[in-house]
Amino acid sequence: MTRLQLNAMLALAGLAAILAGIMAGSAPLSFADTLSGLLGAGPEGARLIVQEIRLPRVLAAFVTGAALGASGALLQGLLRNPLADPGVLGVSAMAALGAVIAIWFGLAALSAFAVPLMAIAFAALAAGMLAGLAAARLSVVQLILAGVGISSFAGALSALAMNLAPTPFTLSDLVNWLMGSVANRSFSDLALAAPFWIAGAGLAALALPGLRALTLGEDTAMSLGADISRTRLLAILASALLTGSAVAVAGMIGFVGIVAPHLVRPMVRHDPGDLVLPSALAAGTILALADLAIRLAPFTQELKLGVAAALVGAPAFIWIAARSASIGR
């Protein structure tokens, strides 16, 4: 399968997942009603359900998954570690901490950009720390342990913020962010994060040639003319922008950033330069389907998306870790 065929297949799967997310729900819609609702025609009820409720939600799930999948692929290529992931290495937890600080101190009420900017800033801090540790030539195990430490520290501070929440409303907002959800998202939420997603995608594209060269090792890559410092900076900034904006929209969503690249890696012949786009498409499809599943699940209270992702992603991570030949080297 060629790279173009793989990306086309994953894009079609993503469109199918988005369409299924729009049609299915507590009030199922036919294909005709869904299409008319998208076009702003047909029954008023169908239009409201499609345009105001389901379409923003399913798009939020897809683009959040795509951002995390691309970020995971970037970190795996940069660190040359198949277990690298924004959640495992603490980037997501630090981004969530930035959002928690913005909410706790009331910055979110002062500016709509406060939450995404704080999330991106803290994600960049975590990614920069990891890149510095990687440059120090730590082993894979040491790097993962450092990421676990960053994640644990950020999680502890977030828990402290919840424990000291000044009002029940603040506590409720913090819990929703930390458990992850795309419920009640609107097009304004997507528009707010869109510039950061676009900038992250652009920086990721610029980093791809350097990531390919890094597969040969830093010394060999530099001898071939690759600018390792520039590649590291671009990958870090791209990962921070993508992860921070994803957390700003959906809160903490774990493991999708490691599972999606692992699924598509064999189909791109383990080329990190070709891994980012299919990982993004696969992760977006996975998260859109996960959100559809929790909406259709027969529970009295809707399961949080971050919880559902962890229930499936954590066992998958254990399986990937068990199969990784690089662990312990």
Protein backbone atom coordinates (compact mmCIF):
# COMPACT_ATOMS: atom_id res chain seq x y z
CA MET A 1 0.00 0.00 0.00
CA THR A 2 1.40 3.39 -0.99
CA ARG A 3 1.50 6.37 1.34
CA LEU A 4 -1.23 8.12 -0.69
CA GLN A 5 -3.49 5.06 -0.56
CA LEU A 6 -3.00 4.71 3.20
CA ASN A 7 -3.82 8.36 3.87
CA ALA A 8 -6.86 8.21 1.56
CA MET A 9 -8.15 5.09 3.31
CA LEU A 10 -7.71 6.64 6.76
CA ALA A 11 -9.33 9.89 5.61
CA LEU A 12 -12.38 7.98 4.35
CA ALA A 13 -12.54 6.09 7.66
CA GLY A 14 -12.45 9.42 9.49
CA LEU A 15 -15.25 10.84 7.36
CA ALA A 16 -17.32 7.70 7.99
CA ALA A 17 -16.75 8.04 11.75
CA ILE A 18 -17.79 11.70 11.66
CA LEU A 19 -20.92 10.87 9.64
CA ALA A 20 -21.82 8.04 12.04
CA GLY A 21 -21.34 10.41 14.98
CA ILE A 22 -23.74 12.90 13.43
CA MET A 23 -26.41 10.34 12.54
CA ALA A 24 -26.40 8.21 15.71
CA GLY A 25 -27.55 9.24 19.15
CA SER A 26 -30.54 9.36 21.46
CA ALA A 27 -32.52 10.73 18.51
CA PRO A 28 -31.26 8.78 15.45
CA LEU A 29 -31.31 10.62 12.13
CA SER A 30 -31.60 9.20 8.65
CA PHE A 31 -28.96 9.95 6.06
CA ALA A 32 -31.36 12.30 4.27
CA ASP A 33 -32.15 14.24 7.47
CA THR A 34 -28.46 14.41 8.33
CA LEU A 35 -27.55 15.75 4.89
CA SER A 36 -30.37 18.31 4.96
CA GLY A 37 -29.34 19.35 8.47
CA LEU A 38 -25.77 19.89 7.32
CA LEU A 39 -27.02 22.03 4.45
CA GLY A 40 -29.33 24.02 6.74
CA ALA A 41 -32.48 22.69 5.09
CA GLY A 42 -35.11 20.18 6.12
CA PRO A 43 -36.83 19.96 9.53
CA GLU A 44 -35.79 22.56 12.09
CA GLY A 45 -35.22 19.89 14.75
CA ALA A 46 -32.80 17.96 12.53
CA ARG A 47 -30.90 21.12 11.67
CA LEU A 48 -30.48 22.06 15.34
CA ILE A 49 -29.36 18.56 16.32
CA VAL A 50 -26.83 18.37 13.50
CA GLN A 51 -25.38 21.87 13.46
CA GLU A 52 -25.62 22.91 17.11
CA ILE A 53 -25.04 19.65 19.01
CA ARG A 54 -23.58 16.71 17.13
CA LEU A 55 -21.36 18.23 14.43
CA PRO A 56 -19.30 20.45 16.78
CA ARG A 57 -18.93 17.56 19.22
CA VAL A 58 -17.79 14.95 16.71
CA LEU A 59 -15.43 17.44 15.06
CA ALA A 60 -13.97 18.30 18.46
CA ALA A 61 -13.37 14.60 19.12
CA PHE A 62 -11.77 14.05 15.71
CA VAL A 63 -9.44 17.05 15.71
CA THR A 64 -8.45 16.42 19.34
CA GLY A 65 -7.52 12.84 18.48
CA ALA A 66 -5.71 14.00 15.34
CA ALA A 67 -3.66 16.52 17.31
CA LEU A 68 -2.69 13.93 19.94
CA GLY A 69 -1.88 11.32 17.29
CA ALA A 70 0.36 13.72 15.38
CA SER A 71 2.02 14.85 18.60
CA GLY A 72 2.69 11.24 19.62
CA ALA A 73 4.24 10.47 16.24
CA LEU A 74 6.44 13.57 16.46
CA LEU A 75 7.70 12.71 19.94
CA GLN A 76 8.35 9.11 18.95
CA GLY A 77 10.37 10.25 15.95
CA LEU A 78 12.26 12.90 17.90
CA LEU A 79 13.13 10.67 20.84
CA ARG A 80 13.43 7.52 18.69
CA ASN A 81 11.29 5.76 21.26
CA PRO A 82 8.10 3.87 20.29
CA LEU A 83 6.68 4.45 23.79
CA ALA A 84 6.87 8.24 23.59
CA ASP A 85 3.48 9.92 23.88
CA PRO A 86 2.15 13.25 25.20
CA GLY A 87 0.28 11.41 27.97
CA VAL A 88 2.97 8.94 28.99
CA LEU A 89 5.75 11.56 28.99
CA GLY A 90 3.78 14.15 30.95
CA VAL A 91 3.13 16.68 28.18
CA SER A 92 -0.66 16.25 28.43
CA ALA A 93 -0.57 16.40 32.23
CA MET A 94 1.43 19.63 32.14
CA ALA A 95 -0.93 21.10 29.55
CA ALA A 96 -3.86 20.17 31.80
CA LEU A 97 -2.08 21.82 34.73
CA GLY A 98 -1.80 25.02 32.72
CA ALA A 99 -5.53 24.90 31.98
CA VAL A 100 -6.26 24.16 35.66
CA ILE A 101 -4.25 27.20 36.75
CA ALA A 102 -6.13 29.38 34.27
CA ILE A 103 -9.47 28.14 35.59
CA TRP A 104 -8.53 28.19 39.29
CA PHE A 105 -7.25 31.78 39.26
CA GLY A 106 -10.16 33.03 37.15
CA LEU A 107 -8.03 33.83 34.11
CA ALA A 108 -10.49 31.93 31.90
CA ALA A 109 -13.16 34.50 32.76
CA LEU A 110 -10.90 37.37 31.74
CA SER A 111 -9.94 36.10 28.30
CA ALA A 112 -11.07 33.28 26.04
CA PHE A 113 -7.41 32.72 25.12
CA ALA A 114 -6.27 32.19 28.73
CA VAL A 115 -6.93 28.43 28.85
CA PRO A 116 -5.36 27.49 25.48
CA LEU A 117 -2.37 29.78 26.00
CA MET A 118 -1.66 28.41 29.48
CA ALA A 119 -2.13 24.83 28.26
CA ILE A 120 0.26 25.38 25.35
CA ALA A 121 2.84 27.14 27.54
CA PHE A 122 2.95 24.30 30.06
CA ALA A 123 2.99 21.69 27.28
CA ALA A 124 5.99 23.49 25.76
CA LEU A 125 7.73 23.48 29.15
CA ALA A 126 7.28 19.70 29.49
CA ALA A 127 8.34 19.02 25.89
CA GLY A 128 11.42 21.20 26.32
CA MET A 129 12.42 19.32 29.47
CA LEU A 130 12.08 16.01 27.65
CA ALA A 131 14.11 17.22 24.69
CA GLY A 132 16.84 18.40 27.05
CA LEU A 133 16.91 15.02 28.76
CA ALA A 134 17.01 13.27 25.39
CA ALA A 135 19.94 15.45 24.33
CA ALA A 136 21.74 14.30 27.48
CA ARG A 137 21.54 10.79 25.98
CA LEU A 138 19.51 9.20 28.76
CA SER A 139 18.39 5.63 28.21
CA VAL A 140 14.84 4.87 27.11
CA VAL A 141 13.92 3.65 30.58
CA GLN A 142 15.34 6.78 32.21
CA LEU A 143 13.48 9.03 29.79
CA ILE A 144 10.17 7.25 30.39
CA LEU A 145 10.70 7.42 34.16
CA ALA A 146 11.41 11.14 33.86
CA GLY A 147 8.17 11.55 31.91
CA VAL A 148 6.26 9.59 34.52
CA GLY A 149 7.74 11.88 37.17
CA ILE A 150 6.68 15.00 35.26
CA SER A 151 3.19 13.56 34.81
CA SER A 152 2.91 12.61 38.49
CA PHE A 153 4.07 16.03 39.66
CA ALA A 154 1.65 17.84 37.34
CA GLY A 155 -1.15 15.51 38.43
CA ALA A 156 -0.38 16.18 42.09
CA LEU A 157 -0.55 19.93 41.55
CA SER A 158 -3.84 19.55 39.67
CA ALA A 159 -5.22 17.44 42.52
CA LEU A 160 -4.09 20.11 44.98
CA ALA A 161 -5.95 22.72 42.94
CA MET A 162 -9.11 20.60 43.12
CA ASN A 163 -8.65 20.08 46.86
CA LEU A 164 -8.37 23.84 47.39
CA ALA A 165 -11.02 24.85 44.84
CA PRO A 166 -12.64 28.10 46.05
CA THR A 167 -16.16 27.23 44.83
CA PRO A 168 -18.11 24.09 43.83
CA PHE A 169 -18.41 25.51 40.31
CA THR A 170 -14.64 25.80 39.99
CA LEU A 171 -14.26 22.23 41.24
CA SER A 172 -16.78 20.99 38.68
CA ASP A 173 -14.90 22.74 35.86
CA LEU A 174 -11.59 21.27 37.03
CA VAL A 175 -13.00 17.74 37.20
CA ASN A 176 -14.43 18.04 33.70
CA TRP A 177 -11.06 19.16 32.31
CA LEU A 178 -9.08 16.45 34.04
CA MET A 179 -11.47 13.63 33.05
CA GLY A 180 -11.67 14.75 29.42
CA SER A 181 -14.84 15.40 27.46
CA VAL A 182 -16.08 16.97 24.23
CA ALA A 183 -19.69 17.28 25.40
CA ASN A 184 -21.29 20.69 24.86
CA ARG A 185 -18.48 21.91 22.64
CA SER A 186 -19.36 24.54 20.06
CA PHE A 187 -17.88 25.90 16.87
CA SER A 188 -16.52 28.85 18.87
CA ASP A 189 -14.40 26.42 20.92
CA LEU A 190 -13.04 24.91 17.71
CA ALA A 191 -12.38 28.33 16.19
CA LEU A 192 -10.46 29.36 19.31
CA ALA A 193 -8.09 26.40 19.07
CA ALA A 194 -7.87 26.31 15.25
CA PRO A 195 -4.94 28.79 14.92
CA PHE A 196 -2.85 26.71 17.32
CA TRP A 197 -3.70 23.47 15.50
CA ILE A 198 -2.79 25.02 12.15
CA ALA A 199 0.48 26.43 13.48
CA GLY A 200 1.36 23.08 15.07
CA ALA A 201 0.64 21.22 11.84
CA GLY A 202 2.80 23.65 9.88
CA LEU A 203 5.75 23.26 12.26
CA ALA A 204 5.32 19.48 12.20
CA ALA A 205 5.58 19.49 8.40
CA LEU A 206 8.83 21.47 8.61
CA ALA A 207 10.27 18.98 11.11
CA LEU A 208 9.61 15.85 9.02
CA PRO A 209 12.85 15.83 6.92
CA GLY A 210 14.93 16.11 10.09
CA LEU A 211 13.02 13.29 11.75
CA ARG A 212 13.82 11.03 8.80
CA ALA A 213 17.50 11.86 9.15
CA LEU A 214 17.42 11.18 12.90
CA THR A 215 16.62 7.52 12.27
CA LEU A 216 20.27 7.14 11.26
CA GLY A 217 21.50 8.60 14.57
CA GLU A 218 22.41 12.18 15.45
CA ASP A 219 26.04 11.97 14.33
CA THR A 220 25.14 10.49 10.94
CA ALA A 221 22.26 12.94 10.50
CA MET A 222 24.57 15.91 11.14
CA SER A 223 27.14 14.53 8.71
CA LEU A 224 24.38 14.48 6.07
CA GLY A 225 23.66 18.15 6.70
CA ALA A 226 20.60 17.83 8.92
CA ASP A 227 20.11 20.63 11.47
CA ILE A 228 19.37 18.60 14.61
CA SER A 229 18.80 21.63 16.85
CA ARG A 230 16.28 23.09 14.39
CA THR A 231 14.50 19.75 14.05
CA ARG A 232 14.31 19.35 17.83
CA LEU A 233 12.93 22.89 18.27
CA LEU A 234 10.34 22.47 15.50
CA ALA A 235 9.16 19.10 16.84
CA ILE A 236 8.93 20.41 20.41
CA LEU A 237 6.97 23.51 19.42
CA ALA A 238 4.67 21.50 17.15
CA SER A 239 4.00 18.91 19.86
CA ALA A 240 3.34 21.63 22.43
CA LEU A 241 0.93 23.52 20.16
CA LEU A 242 -0.95 20.36 19.17
CA THR A 243 -1.14 18.88 22.66
CA GLY A 244 -1.93 22.17 24.40
CA SER A 245 -4.75 23.04 22.02
CA ALA A 246 -6.16 19.51 22.28
CA VAL A 247 -6.20 19.75 26.07
CA ALA A 248 -7.73 23.23 25.87
CA VAL A 249 -10.67 21.82 23.89
CA ALA A 250 -11.18 18.36 25.40
CA GLY A 251 -9.15 18.17 28.61
CA MET A 252 -7.00 15.16 29.47
CA ILE A 253 -7.23 12.37 26.86
CA GLY A 254 -4.61 9.69 27.33
CA PHE A 255 -3.00 6.89 25.30
CA VAL A 256 -4.47 7.67 21.87
CA GLY A 257 -1.19 9.37 20.99
CA ILE A 258 0.75 6.14 21.41
CA VAL A 259 -1.78 3.61 20.11
CA ALA A 260 -2.47 5.29 16.76
CA PRO A 261 1.19 5.62 15.64
CA HIS A 262 1.82 2.02 16.69
CA LEU A 263 -1.08 0.80 14.55
CA VAL A 264 0.03 2.56 11.36
CA ARG A 265 3.82 2.34 11.75
CA PRO A 266 4.19 -1.04 9.94
CA MET A 267 2.29 0.38 6.97
CA VAL A 268 4.76 3.27 6.50
CA ARG A 269 7.84 1.04 6.82
CA HIS A 270 8.70 2.68 10.15
CA ASP A 271 9.54 6.00 8.46
CA PRO A 272 8.89 8.75 11.07
CA GLY A 273 8.49 11.33 8.32
CA ASP A 274 5.58 9.40 6.84
CA LEU A 275 4.08 8.52 10.23
CA VAL A 276 2.66 11.86 11.38
CA LEU A 277 -0.27 12.33 8.96
CA PRO A 278 -1.64 8.75 9.08
CA SER A 279 -1.23 8.75 12.88
CA ALA A 280 -3.30 11.93 13.05
CA LEU A 281 -6.03 10.49 10.83
CA ALA A 282 -6.09 7.17 12.71
CA ALA A 283 -6.18 8.84 16.15
CA GLY A 284 -8.96 11.21 15.06
CA THR A 285 -11.02 8.28 13.81
CA ILE A 286 -10.42 6.30 17.02
CA LEU A 287 -11.47 9.19 19.27
CA ALA A 288 -14.54 10.02 17.16
CA LEU A 289 -15.66 6.38 17.39
CA ALA A 290 -14.91 6.32 21.13
CA ASP A 291 -17.11 9.39 21.66
CA LEU A 292 -19.87 7.75 19.61
CA ALA A 293 -19.60 4.61 21.74
CA ILE A 294 -19.99 6.47 25.04
CA ARG A 295 -23.00 8.36 23.67
CA LEU A 296 -24.67 5.08 22.73
CA ALA A 297 -23.63 3.20 25.90
CA PRO A 298 -26.61 2.26 28.12
CA PHE A 299 -25.49 4.21 31.19
CA THR A 300 -27.61 6.62 33.21
CA GLN A 301 -24.69 9.04 33.27
CA GLU A 302 -22.48 9.57 30.25
CA LEU A 303 -18.96 8.22 30.56
CA LYS A 304 -16.20 10.80 30.19
CA LEU A 305 -14.18 10.51 27.00
CA GLY A 306 -10.86 10.55 28.84
CA VAL A 307 -12.01 7.67 31.04
CA ALA A 308 -13.11 5.63 28.02
CA ALA A 309 -9.81 6.30 26.23
CA ALA A 310 -7.84 5.18 29.29
CA LEU A 311 -9.89 2.00 29.73
CA VAL A 312 -8.97 0.91 26.21
CA GLY A 313 -5.62 2.66 25.82
CA ALA A 314 -3.95 1.51 29.05
CA PRO A 315 -4.12 -2.22 28.19
CA ALA A 316 -2.97 -1.36 24.66
CA PHE A 317 -0.01 0.53 26.10
CA ILE A 318 0.95 -2.47 28.25
CA TRP A 319 0.81 -4.68 25.15
CA ILE A 320 2.94 -2.25 23.14
CA ALA A 321 5.47 -1.97 25.96
CA ALA A 322 5.69 -5.75 26.24
CA ARG A 323 6.39 -6.06 22.49
CA SER A 324 8.88 -3.20 22.29
CA ALA A 325 12.38 -4.53 21.77
CA SER A 326 13.85 -1.19 22.78
CA ILE A 327 12.79 -1.39 26.41
CA GLY A 328 15.69 -1.97 28.69
CA ARG A 329 18.42 -1.28 26.16
